[in-house]
């Protein structure tokens, strides 16, 4: 969709009828948050580059996975997972990081900003390690600056 208003209208949402933000999240199961993040990611693209957004999907039978957005930061490909709340599983992100051997990933959610190492084991007991930069939606405009400062 072009913007969050059009997305909400197509879903039949009427904000004055809803009692809380949690009802919006429950109704859309995070769809509106992904829409908002995609819209903001397009807006941070420099004007001289055509705005476009990408995602990653693995369709291996029994091991399907999907990353909400993929962005380019300098010469690096950075996966982005969008979560409606403060927490959520990152199984697809772990799979992507293992398969593509990347070192930095981003989670956009409603928690406080943080940077930290992730160390998990896959189903075969192999280690998956990477740095996870978690940023709230309101800092998405600063995503490239935050990635750069997290690399130091």
N, C-alpha and C. Protein backbone atom coordinates (compact mmCIF):
# COMPACT_ATOMS: atom_id res chain seq x y z
N UNK A 1 0.83 -1.18 0.00
CA UNK A 1 0.00 0.00 0.00
C UNK A 1 0.88 1.25 0.00
N UNK A 2 0.29 2.33 -0.42
CA UNK A 2 1.01 3.59 -0.49
C UNK A 2 1.25 4.22 0.87
N UNK A 3 0.26 4.15 1.78
CA UNK A 3 0.47 4.71 3.13
C UNK A 3 -0.43 4.02 4.15
N UNK A 4 -0.18 4.32 5.41
CA UNK A 4 -0.91 3.66 6.51
C UNK A 4 -2.40 3.99 6.49
N UNK A 5 -2.76 5.20 6.10
CA UNK A 5 -4.17 5.58 6.04
C UNK A 5 -4.93 4.74 5.03
N UNK A 6 -4.35 4.58 3.84
CA UNK A 6 -4.99 3.75 2.81
C UNK A 6 -5.05 2.28 3.25
N UNK A 7 -3.99 1.83 3.90
CA UNK A 7 -3.97 0.45 4.39
C UNK A 7 -5.08 0.24 5.42
N UNK A 8 -5.20 1.17 6.37
CA UNK A 8 -6.25 1.08 7.38
C UNK A 8 -7.65 1.12 6.78
N UNK A 9 -7.83 1.99 5.78
CA UNK A 9 -9.14 2.09 5.12
C UNK A 9 -9.49 0.81 4.39
N UNK A 10 -8.49 0.18 3.75
CA UNK A 10 -8.76 -1.07 3.03
C UNK A 10 -9.08 -2.22 3.99
N UNK A 11 -8.60 -2.11 5.24
CA UNK A 11 -8.90 -3.12 6.25
C UNK A 11 -10.20 -2.82 6.99
N UNK A 12 -10.81 -1.66 6.68
CA UNK A 12 -12.06 -1.29 7.32
C UNK A 12 -11.87 -0.77 8.73
N UNK A 13 -10.68 -0.27 9.05
CA UNK A 13 -10.42 0.24 10.39
C UNK A 13 -10.99 1.64 10.56
N UNK A 14 -11.56 1.87 11.70
CA UNK A 14 -12.05 3.20 12.06
C UNK A 14 -11.50 3.49 13.46
N UNK A 15 -10.53 4.38 13.54
CA UNK A 15 -9.83 4.61 14.80
C UNK A 15 -10.72 5.09 15.93
N UNK A 16 -11.77 5.84 15.64
CA UNK A 16 -12.63 6.33 16.72
C UNK A 16 -13.46 5.22 17.35
N UNK A 17 -13.55 4.05 16.70
CA UNK A 17 -14.29 2.93 17.26
C UNK A 17 -13.43 2.04 18.14
N UNK A 18 -12.11 2.18 18.04
CA UNK A 18 -11.22 1.32 18.81
C UNK A 18 -10.92 1.95 20.17
N UNK A 19 -10.73 1.10 21.16
CA UNK A 19 -10.51 1.60 22.52
C UNK A 19 -9.04 1.78 22.87
N UNK A 20 -8.18 1.01 22.25
CA UNK A 20 -6.76 1.12 22.61
C UNK A 20 -5.88 0.68 21.45
N UNK A 21 -4.61 1.03 21.54
CA UNK A 21 -3.63 0.64 20.53
C UNK A 21 -3.51 -0.88 20.47
N UNK A 22 -3.64 -1.56 21.61
CA UNK A 22 -3.50 -3.01 21.61
C UNK A 22 -4.58 -3.67 20.75
N UNK A 23 -5.76 -3.04 20.64
CA UNK A 23 -6.80 -3.59 19.78
C UNK A 23 -6.39 -3.49 18.31
N UNK A 24 -5.70 -2.39 17.95
CA UNK A 24 -5.23 -2.26 16.58
C UNK A 24 -4.23 -3.36 16.27
N UNK A 25 -3.29 -3.62 17.20
CA UNK A 25 -2.30 -4.67 17.00
C UNK A 25 -2.97 -6.03 16.89
N UNK A 26 -3.97 -6.27 17.75
CA UNK A 26 -4.65 -7.56 17.75
C UNK A 26 -5.42 -7.76 16.45
N UNK A 27 -6.09 -6.74 15.97
CA UNK A 27 -6.89 -6.86 14.75
C UNK A 27 -5.99 -7.16 13.55
N UNK A 28 -4.87 -6.46 13.46
CA UNK A 28 -4.02 -6.57 12.27
C UNK A 28 -2.85 -7.51 12.42
N UNK A 29 -2.65 -8.06 13.62
CA UNK A 29 -1.56 -9.00 13.86
C UNK A 29 -0.23 -8.45 13.36
N UNK A 30 0.02 -7.19 13.55
CA UNK A 30 1.29 -6.58 13.17
C UNK A 30 1.35 -6.05 11.76
N UNK A 31 0.31 -6.25 10.97
CA UNK A 31 0.32 -5.79 9.58
C UNK A 31 0.49 -4.29 9.44
N UNK A 32 -0.15 -3.54 10.31
CA UNK A 32 -0.02 -2.08 10.24
C UNK A 32 1.38 -1.63 10.66
N UNK A 33 1.99 -2.34 11.61
CA UNK A 33 3.35 -1.97 12.02
C UNK A 33 4.34 -2.23 10.89
N UNK A 34 4.16 -3.33 10.17
CA UNK A 34 5.02 -3.60 9.01
C UNK A 34 4.79 -2.55 7.93
N UNK A 35 3.54 -2.13 7.74
CA UNK A 35 3.22 -1.09 6.76
C UNK A 35 3.91 0.21 7.14
N UNK A 36 3.83 0.59 8.40
CA UNK A 36 4.47 1.82 8.88
C UNK A 36 5.99 1.75 8.68
N UNK A 37 6.60 0.65 9.07
CA UNK A 37 8.05 0.50 8.92
C UNK A 37 8.45 0.58 7.45
N UNK A 38 7.72 -0.07 6.57
CA UNK A 38 8.03 -0.02 5.14
C UNK A 38 7.91 1.39 4.58
N UNK A 39 6.88 2.09 5.01
CA UNK A 39 6.67 3.46 4.56
C UNK A 39 7.82 4.35 5.01
N UNK A 40 8.26 4.18 6.27
CA UNK A 40 9.37 4.98 6.79
C UNK A 40 10.69 4.60 6.13
N UNK A 41 10.90 3.32 5.85
CA UNK A 41 12.13 2.89 5.18
C UNK A 41 12.24 3.50 3.78
N UNK A 42 11.13 3.59 3.10
CA UNK A 42 11.14 4.25 1.78
C UNK A 42 11.49 5.72 1.90
N UNK A 43 11.07 6.35 2.99
CA UNK A 43 11.29 7.78 3.17
C UNK A 43 12.74 8.12 3.51
N UNK A 44 13.51 7.17 4.05
CA UNK A 44 14.90 7.47 4.41
C UNK A 44 15.86 7.30 3.23
N UNK A 45 15.34 6.85 2.11
CA UNK A 45 16.16 6.70 0.91
C UNK A 45 16.48 8.08 0.35
N UNK A 46 17.76 8.33 0.03
CA UNK A 46 18.09 9.64 -0.56
C UNK A 46 17.26 9.91 -1.82
N UNK A 47 16.97 11.17 -2.07
CA UNK A 47 16.09 11.56 -3.18
C UNK A 47 16.63 11.15 -4.55
N UNK A 48 17.93 11.02 -4.70
CA UNK A 48 18.51 10.66 -5.99
C UNK A 48 18.49 9.16 -6.27
N UNK A 49 18.01 8.36 -5.31
CA UNK A 49 17.90 6.91 -5.50
C UNK A 49 16.41 6.56 -5.52
N UNK A 50 15.95 5.83 -6.53
CA UNK A 50 14.54 5.44 -6.54
C UNK A 50 14.19 4.64 -5.28
N UNK A 51 13.14 5.03 -4.59
CA UNK A 51 12.74 4.35 -3.36
C UNK A 51 12.16 2.98 -3.68
N UNK A 52 12.70 1.98 -3.02
CA UNK A 52 12.17 0.62 -3.18
C UNK A 52 12.45 -0.14 -1.89
N UNK A 53 11.64 -1.15 -1.63
CA UNK A 53 11.84 -1.98 -0.44
C UNK A 53 11.89 -3.43 -0.87
N UNK A 54 12.67 -4.22 -0.13
CA UNK A 54 12.87 -5.62 -0.45
C UNK A 54 12.62 -6.47 0.79
N UNK A 55 12.34 -7.75 0.55
CA UNK A 55 12.18 -8.70 1.64
C UNK A 55 12.87 -10.00 1.22
N UNK A 56 12.97 -10.94 2.15
CA UNK A 56 13.58 -12.24 1.87
C UNK A 56 12.62 -13.33 2.29
N UNK A 57 12.49 -14.34 1.44
CA UNK A 57 11.59 -15.45 1.75
C UNK A 57 12.28 -16.76 1.39
N UNK A 58 12.25 -17.69 2.32
CA UNK A 58 12.78 -19.03 2.08
C UNK A 58 11.59 -19.96 1.99
N UNK A 59 11.53 -20.71 0.90
CA UNK A 59 10.37 -21.58 0.67
C UNK A 59 10.72 -23.06 0.76
N UNK A 60 11.80 -23.40 1.46
CA UNK A 60 12.18 -24.80 1.62
C UNK A 60 11.11 -25.52 2.44
N UNK A 61 10.61 -26.62 1.92
CA UNK A 61 9.52 -27.35 2.57
C UNK A 61 9.90 -27.72 4.01
N UNK A 62 9.06 -27.32 4.94
CA UNK A 62 9.29 -27.61 6.35
C UNK A 62 10.22 -26.63 7.04
N UNK A 63 10.80 -25.71 6.28
CA UNK A 63 11.72 -24.73 6.87
C UNK A 63 11.49 -23.36 6.25
N UNK A 64 10.22 -22.98 6.11
CA UNK A 64 9.88 -21.69 5.54
C UNK A 64 10.33 -20.58 6.47
N UNK A 65 10.75 -19.47 5.90
CA UNK A 65 11.18 -18.32 6.69
C UNK A 65 10.96 -17.06 5.86
N UNK A 66 10.80 -15.93 6.56
CA UNK A 66 10.59 -14.66 5.88
C UNK A 66 11.15 -13.53 6.73
N UNK A 67 11.88 -12.64 6.07
CA UNK A 67 12.39 -11.43 6.71
C UNK A 67 11.57 -10.27 6.16
N UNK A 68 11.08 -9.41 7.05
CA UNK A 68 10.18 -8.34 6.65
C UNK A 68 10.80 -7.39 5.63
N UNK A 69 12.02 -6.93 5.90
CA UNK A 69 12.68 -5.99 4.99
C UNK A 69 14.18 -6.26 4.94
N UNK A 70 14.76 -5.96 3.79
CA UNK A 70 16.21 -6.02 3.58
C UNK A 70 16.62 -4.65 3.07
N UNK A 71 17.63 -4.04 3.71
CA UNK A 71 18.11 -2.74 3.23
C UNK A 71 19.59 -2.83 2.93
N UNK A 72 20.05 -1.89 2.14
CA UNK A 72 21.48 -1.77 1.88
C UNK A 72 22.01 -0.62 2.74
N UNK A 73 23.06 -0.90 3.47
CA UNK A 73 23.76 0.14 4.23
C UNK A 73 25.21 0.09 3.78
N UNK A 74 25.62 1.13 3.07
CA UNK A 74 26.94 1.18 2.44
C UNK A 74 27.10 -0.08 1.59
N UNK A 75 28.06 -0.94 1.89
CA UNK A 75 28.27 -2.16 1.08
C UNK A 75 27.70 -3.40 1.75
N UNK A 76 26.81 -3.22 2.71
CA UNK A 76 26.28 -4.34 3.47
C UNK A 76 24.78 -4.50 3.26
N UNK A 77 24.34 -5.73 3.33
CA UNK A 77 22.92 -6.05 3.31
C UNK A 77 22.50 -6.30 4.76
N UNK A 78 21.46 -5.60 5.20
CA UNK A 78 21.00 -5.68 6.59
C UNK A 78 19.55 -6.16 6.62
N UNK A 79 19.28 -7.27 7.31
CA UNK A 79 17.89 -7.74 7.46
C UNK A 79 17.19 -6.99 8.59
N UNK A 80 15.89 -6.76 8.40
CA UNK A 80 15.09 -6.05 9.40
C UNK A 80 13.84 -6.87 9.72
N UNK A 81 13.63 -7.14 11.00
CA UNK A 81 12.42 -7.77 11.48
C UNK A 81 11.58 -6.71 12.19
N UNK A 82 10.30 -6.66 11.90
CA UNK A 82 9.40 -5.70 12.52
C UNK A 82 8.46 -6.47 13.45
N UNK A 83 8.38 -6.01 14.70
CA UNK A 83 7.51 -6.63 15.69
C UNK A 83 6.55 -5.57 16.23
N UNK A 84 5.28 -5.92 16.36
CA UNK A 84 4.27 -4.97 16.83
C UNK A 84 4.46 -4.60 18.29
N UNK A 85 4.90 -5.55 19.12
CA UNK A 85 5.09 -5.28 20.54
C UNK A 85 6.56 -5.12 20.88
N UNK A 86 6.88 -5.32 22.15
CA UNK A 86 8.25 -5.17 22.61
C UNK A 86 9.06 -6.45 22.42
N UNK A 87 8.39 -7.58 22.25
CA UNK A 87 9.09 -8.85 22.12
C UNK A 87 8.54 -9.62 20.93
N UNK A 88 9.09 -10.76 20.69
CA UNK A 88 8.64 -11.64 19.61
C UNK A 88 9.77 -12.57 19.20
N UNK A 89 9.41 -13.70 18.63
CA UNK A 89 10.45 -14.65 18.22
C UNK A 89 11.16 -14.14 16.97
N UNK A 90 12.37 -14.58 16.81
CA UNK A 90 13.19 -14.16 15.67
C UNK A 90 13.72 -15.36 14.90
N UNK A 91 12.93 -16.43 14.81
CA UNK A 91 13.38 -17.66 14.15
C UNK A 91 13.81 -17.43 12.71
N UNK A 92 13.03 -16.68 11.96
CA UNK A 92 13.38 -16.41 10.56
C UNK A 92 14.67 -15.60 10.47
N UNK A 93 14.83 -14.66 11.38
CA UNK A 93 16.04 -13.84 11.40
C UNK A 93 17.25 -14.71 11.71
N UNK A 94 17.13 -15.60 12.68
CA UNK A 94 18.24 -16.52 12.99
C UNK A 94 18.60 -17.35 11.75
N UNK A 95 17.59 -17.84 11.07
CA UNK A 95 17.82 -18.66 9.87
C UNK A 95 18.55 -17.85 8.80
N UNK A 96 18.11 -16.64 8.57
CA UNK A 96 18.74 -15.76 7.58
C UNK A 96 20.20 -15.51 7.95
N UNK A 97 20.45 -15.17 9.20
CA UNK A 97 21.80 -14.85 9.64
C UNK A 97 22.73 -16.05 9.50
N UNK A 98 22.22 -17.23 9.77
CA UNK A 98 23.01 -18.44 9.61
C UNK A 98 23.31 -18.70 8.14
N UNK A 99 22.27 -18.65 7.33
CA UNK A 99 22.39 -18.99 5.91
C UNK A 99 23.25 -17.97 5.14
N UNK A 100 23.09 -16.70 5.44
CA UNK A 100 23.78 -15.65 4.69
C UNK A 100 25.09 -15.19 5.36
N UNK A 101 25.36 -15.72 6.56
CA UNK A 101 26.59 -15.39 7.28
C UNK A 101 26.79 -13.88 7.49
N UNK A 102 25.72 -13.22 7.91
CA UNK A 102 25.76 -11.78 8.18
C UNK A 102 26.09 -11.54 9.65
N UNK A 103 26.57 -10.35 9.97
CA UNK A 103 26.98 -10.06 11.34
C UNK A 103 26.08 -9.04 12.05
N UNK A 104 25.25 -8.32 11.30
CA UNK A 104 24.40 -7.30 11.91
C UNK A 104 22.96 -7.44 11.40
N UNK A 105 22.01 -7.35 12.33
CA UNK A 105 20.59 -7.40 12.00
C UNK A 105 19.88 -6.33 12.82
N UNK A 106 18.67 -5.97 12.36
CA UNK A 106 17.89 -4.94 13.05
C UNK A 106 16.51 -5.49 13.37
N UNK A 107 16.06 -5.14 14.58
CA UNK A 107 14.68 -5.41 14.98
C UNK A 107 14.04 -4.06 15.26
N UNK A 108 12.90 -3.81 14.65
CA UNK A 108 12.14 -2.59 14.91
C UNK A 108 10.94 -3.01 15.75
N UNK A 109 10.82 -2.41 16.93
CA UNK A 109 9.71 -2.77 17.82
C UNK A 109 9.37 -1.59 18.73
N UNK A 110 8.58 -1.83 19.75
CA UNK A 110 8.16 -0.74 20.63
C UNK A 110 8.93 -0.73 21.95
N UNK A 111 10.08 -1.37 21.98
CA UNK A 111 10.92 -1.40 23.17
C UNK A 111 11.95 -0.27 23.12
N UNK A 112 12.77 -0.16 24.14
CA UNK A 112 13.81 0.87 24.16
C UNK A 112 14.95 0.47 23.21
N UNK A 113 15.70 1.44 22.70
CA UNK A 113 16.82 1.10 21.81
C UNK A 113 17.88 0.31 22.56
N UNK A 114 18.45 -0.67 21.88
CA UNK A 114 19.55 -1.44 22.47
C UNK A 114 20.33 -2.15 21.39
N UNK A 115 21.57 -2.44 21.71
CA UNK A 115 22.47 -3.17 20.84
C UNK A 115 23.07 -4.29 21.66
N UNK A 116 23.04 -5.49 21.13
CA UNK A 116 23.63 -6.59 21.88
C UNK A 116 23.87 -7.80 21.02
N UNK A 117 24.73 -8.66 21.51
CA UNK A 117 25.01 -9.89 20.77
C UNK A 117 23.87 -10.90 20.93
N UNK A 118 23.64 -11.66 19.89
CA UNK A 118 22.68 -12.76 19.92
C UNK A 118 23.47 -14.03 19.72
N UNK A 119 23.24 -15.00 20.56
CA UNK A 119 23.89 -16.29 20.43
C UNK A 119 22.85 -17.37 20.68
N UNK A 120 22.48 -18.08 19.63
CA UNK A 120 21.47 -19.15 19.71
C UNK A 120 21.99 -20.39 19.00
N UNK A 121 21.33 -21.49 19.23
CA UNK A 121 21.66 -22.75 18.55
C UNK A 121 20.52 -23.11 17.61
N UNK A 122 20.88 -23.64 16.44
CA UNK A 122 19.84 -24.11 15.53
C UNK A 122 19.40 -25.51 15.95
N UNK A 123 18.53 -26.13 15.20
CA UNK A 123 18.00 -27.45 15.56
C UNK A 123 19.07 -28.54 15.54
N UNK A 124 20.19 -28.29 14.88
CA UNK A 124 21.28 -29.26 14.83
C UNK A 124 22.36 -28.97 15.88
N UNK A 125 22.15 -27.94 16.69
CA UNK A 125 23.10 -27.58 17.72
C UNK A 125 24.22 -26.66 17.26
N UNK A 126 24.16 -26.17 16.03
CA UNK A 126 25.17 -25.24 15.53
C UNK A 126 24.89 -23.83 16.07
N UNK A 127 25.97 -23.12 16.41
CA UNK A 127 25.84 -21.76 16.94
C UNK A 127 25.53 -20.75 15.85
N UNK A 128 24.66 -19.82 16.18
CA UNK A 128 24.36 -18.68 15.31
C UNK A 128 24.63 -17.45 16.16
N UNK A 129 25.57 -16.61 15.71
CA UNK A 129 25.94 -15.43 16.47
C UNK A 129 25.96 -14.20 15.57
N UNK A 130 25.38 -13.12 16.08
CA UNK A 130 25.37 -11.85 15.35
C UNK A 130 25.00 -10.72 16.31
N UNK A 131 25.16 -9.49 15.87
CA UNK A 131 24.77 -8.32 16.65
C UNK A 131 23.37 -7.89 16.23
N UNK A 132 22.53 -7.63 17.22
CA UNK A 132 21.15 -7.20 16.97
C UNK A 132 20.96 -5.78 17.49
N UNK A 133 20.63 -4.90 16.56
CA UNK A 133 20.31 -3.51 16.90
C UNK A 133 18.79 -3.40 16.96
N UNK A 134 18.26 -3.15 18.15
CA UNK A 134 16.82 -2.98 18.33
C UNK A 134 16.51 -1.50 18.43
N UNK A 135 15.62 -1.03 17.58
CA UNK A 135 15.25 0.38 17.62
C UNK A 135 13.73 0.52 17.60
N UNK A 136 13.23 1.53 18.33
CA UNK A 136 11.79 1.78 18.29
C UNK A 136 11.41 2.48 16.98
N UNK A 137 10.15 2.44 16.66
CA UNK A 137 9.65 3.02 15.41
C UNK A 137 10.03 4.48 15.25
N UNK A 138 10.00 5.24 16.35
CA UNK A 138 10.26 6.68 16.23
C UNK A 138 11.70 6.99 15.84
N UNK A 139 12.63 6.03 15.94
CA UNK A 139 14.02 6.26 15.53
C UNK A 139 14.34 5.71 14.14
N UNK A 140 13.35 5.21 13.47
CA UNK A 140 13.59 4.60 12.16
C UNK A 140 14.21 5.58 11.16
N UNK A 141 13.90 6.84 11.29
CA UNK A 141 14.47 7.85 10.41
C UNK A 141 15.99 7.93 10.56
N UNK A 142 16.49 7.51 11.70
CA UNK A 142 17.93 7.56 12.00
C UNK A 142 18.63 6.22 11.77
N UNK A 143 18.00 5.31 11.05
CA UNK A 143 18.49 3.94 10.95
C UNK A 143 19.93 3.84 10.44
N UNK A 144 20.29 4.59 9.42
CA UNK A 144 21.65 4.49 8.88
C UNK A 144 22.68 5.05 9.86
N UNK A 145 22.37 6.12 10.54
CA UNK A 145 23.27 6.67 11.56
C UNK A 145 23.45 5.67 12.71
N UNK A 146 22.38 5.02 13.12
CA UNK A 146 22.45 4.06 14.22
C UNK A 146 23.25 2.82 13.81
N UNK A 147 23.09 2.38 12.58
CA UNK A 147 23.87 1.23 12.11
C UNK A 147 25.35 1.60 12.13
N UNK A 148 25.66 2.77 11.61
CA UNK A 148 27.07 3.22 11.57
C UNK A 148 27.66 3.32 12.97
N UNK A 149 26.92 3.88 13.92
CA UNK A 149 27.44 4.00 15.29
C UNK A 149 27.53 2.65 15.99
N UNK A 150 26.71 1.67 15.60
CA UNK A 150 26.78 0.35 16.23
C UNK A 150 27.98 -0.45 15.74
N UNK A 151 28.55 -0.06 14.61
CA UNK A 151 29.69 -0.78 14.05
C UNK A 151 31.01 -0.40 14.73
N UNK A 152 31.01 0.65 15.53
CA UNK A 152 32.24 1.12 16.18
C UNK A 152 32.61 0.28 17.36
